[in-house]
Amino acid sequence: MVAAGSVALSLTLGLLAALALDRATFPGKALFRRLVLLPLILPGIITGLSLLMFAVFCRRSAQPVHRFSRPWHRAHFRRHH
């Protein structure tokens, strides 16, 4: 029941926002459009910044990727004699 109410509310608010952005002219329309589009843009920005930070970190370290994989590799794939 909560899911159905959530869908109905989201659909109603989404349709009203889309109609307002498409047909109406009002002060702050550009800001409102940016706020509506922010959830679509933000995950890409966060992913890009994370990859950039990882690349910078790897460049500064002496052993880039092996530093992360070796302790895990030794802990889980030991040879038993």
C-alpha atoms as a PDB file:
ATOM      1  CA  MET A   1       0.000   0.000   0.000  1.00  0.00           C
ATOM      2  CA  VAL A   2       2.864   2.363   0.790  1.00  0.00           C
ATOM      3  CA  ALA A   3       4.515   1.560  -2.555  1.00  0.00           C
ATOM      4  CA  ALA A   4       1.325   2.355  -4.481  1.00  0.00           C
ATOM      5  CA  GLY A   5       0.981   5.678  -2.666  1.00  0.00           C
ATOM      6  CA  SER A   6       4.616   6.481  -3.344  1.00  0.00           C
ATOM      7  CA  VAL A   7       4.220   5.727  -7.047  1.00  0.00           C
ATOM      8  CA  ALA A   8       1.080   7.846  -7.295  1.00  0.00           C
ATOM      9  CA  LEU A   9       2.709  10.780  -5.507  1.00  0.00           C
ATOM     10  CA  SER A  10       5.911  10.556  -7.562  1.00  0.00           C
ATOM     11  CA  LEU A  11       3.984  10.295 -10.817  1.00  0.00           C
ATOM     12  CA  THR A  12       1.827  13.290  -9.961  1.00  0.00           C
ATOM     13  CA  LEU A  13       4.745  15.483  -8.872  1.00  0.00           C
ATOM     14  CA  GLY A  14       6.847  14.391 -11.848  1.00  0.00           C
ATOM     15  CA  LEU A  15       4.119  15.164 -14.366  1.00  0.00           C
ATOM     16  CA  LEU A  16       3.425  18.562 -12.817  1.00  0.00           C
ATOM     17  CA  ALA A  17       7.142  19.416 -12.838  1.00  0.00           C
ATOM     18  CA  ALA A  18       7.502  18.314 -16.471  1.00  0.00           C
ATOM     19  CA  LEU A  19       4.493  20.374 -17.531  1.00  0.00           C
ATOM     20  CA  ALA A  20       5.785  23.394 -15.644  1.00  0.00           C
ATOM     21  CA  LEU A  21       9.212  23.143 -17.249  1.00  0.00           C
ATOM     22  CA  ASP A  22       7.795  22.638 -20.731  1.00  0.00           C
ATOM     23  CA  ARG A  23       4.860  25.026 -20.916  1.00  0.00           C
ATOM     24  CA  ALA A  24       5.161  27.668 -18.242  1.00  0.00           C
ATOM     25  CA  THR A  25       7.406  30.705 -17.976  1.00  0.00           C
ATOM     26  CA  PHE A  26       8.234  31.782 -14.441  1.00  0.00           C
ATOM     27  CA  PRO A  27      11.117  33.353 -12.529  1.00  0.00           C
ATOM     28  CA  GLY A  28      13.626  30.764 -11.395  1.00  0.00           C
ATOM     29  CA  LYS A  29      12.815  28.331 -14.191  1.00  0.00           C
ATOM     30  CA  ALA A  30      16.506  27.719 -14.936  1.00  0.00           C
ATOM     31  CA  LEU A  31      17.230  26.957 -11.280  1.00  0.00           C
ATOM     32  CA  PHE A  32      14.203  24.659 -11.059  1.00  0.00           C
ATOM     33  CA  ARG A  33      15.357  22.797 -14.196  1.00  0.00           C
ATOM     34  CA  ARG A  34      18.804  22.330 -12.682  1.00  0.00           C
ATOM     35  CA  LEU A  35      17.338  20.973  -9.457  1.00  0.00           C
ATOM     36  CA  VAL A  36      15.186  18.518 -11.397  1.00  0.00           C
ATOM     37  CA  LEU A  37      18.135  17.303 -13.491  1.00  0.00           C
ATOM     38  CA  LEU A  38      20.617  17.150 -10.608  1.00  0.00           C
ATOM     39  CA  PRO A  39      19.941  13.485  -9.660  1.00  0.00           C
ATOM     40  CA  LEU A  40      20.657  12.438 -13.250  1.00  0.00           C
ATOM     41  CA  ILE A  41      23.948  14.335 -13.453  1.00  0.00           C
ATOM     42  CA  LEU A  42      25.348  13.834  -9.960  1.00  0.00           C
ATOM     43  CA  PRO A  43      26.189  10.098 -10.096  1.00  0.00           C
ATOM     44  CA  GLY A  44      28.346  10.606 -13.207  1.00  0.00           C
ATOM     45  CA  ILE A  45      30.218  13.438 -11.558  1.00  0.00           C
ATOM     46  CA  ILE A  46      30.851  11.403  -8.424  1.00  0.00           C
ATOM     47  CA  THR A  47      32.097   8.445 -10.476  1.00  0.00           C
ATOM     48  CA  GLY A  48      34.403  10.659 -12.541  1.00  0.00           C
ATOM     49  CA  LEU A  49      35.880  12.353  -9.496  1.00  0.00           C
ATOM     50  CA  SER A  50      36.397   9.010  -7.788  1.00  0.00           C
ATOM     51  CA  LEU A  51      38.289   7.655 -10.804  1.00  0.00           C
ATOM     52  CA  LEU A  52      40.376  10.818 -10.975  1.00  0.00           C
ATOM     53  CA  MET A  53      41.263  10.602  -7.285  1.00  0.00           C
ATOM     54  CA  PHE A  54      42.172   6.921  -7.675  1.00  0.00           C
ATOM     55  CA  ALA A  55      44.439   7.714 -10.652  1.00  0.00           C
ATOM     56  CA  VAL A  56      46.199  10.480  -8.719  1.00  0.00           C
ATOM     57  CA  PHE A  57      46.633   8.186  -5.714  1.00  0.00           C
ATOM     58  CA  CYS A  58      48.086   5.416  -7.892  1.00  0.00           C
ATOM     59  CA  ARG A  59      50.487   7.826  -9.547  1.00  0.00           C
ATOM     60  CA  ARG A  60      51.839   8.971  -6.172  1.00  0.00           C
ATOM     61  CA  SER A  61      52.288   5.498  -4.709  1.00  0.00           C
ATOM     62  CA  ALA A  62      55.283   3.295  -5.461  1.00  0.00           C
ATOM     63  CA  GLN A  63      53.250   0.136  -6.068  1.00  0.00           C
ATOM     64  CA  PRO A  64      49.976   1.285  -7.648  1.00  0.00           C
ATOM     65  CA  VAL A  65      47.430  -1.501  -7.853  1.00  0.00           C
ATOM     66  CA  HIS A  66      49.452  -4.352  -6.387  1.00  0.00           C
ATOM     67  CA  ARG A  67      49.420  -2.590  -3.046  1.00  0.00           C
ATOM     68  CA  PHE A  68      45.671  -3.255  -2.810  1.00  0.00           C
ATOM     69  CA  SER A  69      45.512  -6.751  -4.276  1.00  0.00           C
ATOM     70  CA  ARG A  70      48.465  -8.479  -2.575  1.00  0.00           C
ATOM     71  CA  PRO A  71      47.193  -8.665   1.023  1.00  0.00           C
ATOM     72  CA  TRP A  72      43.838  -9.988  -0.179  1.00  0.00           C
ATOM     73  CA  HIS A  73      45.563 -12.445  -2.501  1.00  0.00           C
ATOM     74  CA  ARG A  74      47.794 -13.811   0.260  1.00  0.00           C
ATOM     75  CA  ALA A  75      44.930 -14.172   2.704  1.00  0.00           C
ATOM     76  CA  HIS A  76      42.605 -16.154   0.445  1.00  0.00           C
ATOM     77  CA  PHE A  77      44.797 -18.068  -2.001  1.00  0.00           C
ATOM     78  CA  ARG A  78      47.564 -19.632   0.047  1.00  0.00           C
ATOM     79  CA  ARG A  79      49.056 -22.857  -1.216  1.00  0.00           C
ATOM     80  CA  HIS A  80      48.721 -25.774   1.128  1.00  0.00           C
ATOM     81  CA  HIS A  81      51.600 -28.259   1.056  1.00  0.00           C
END
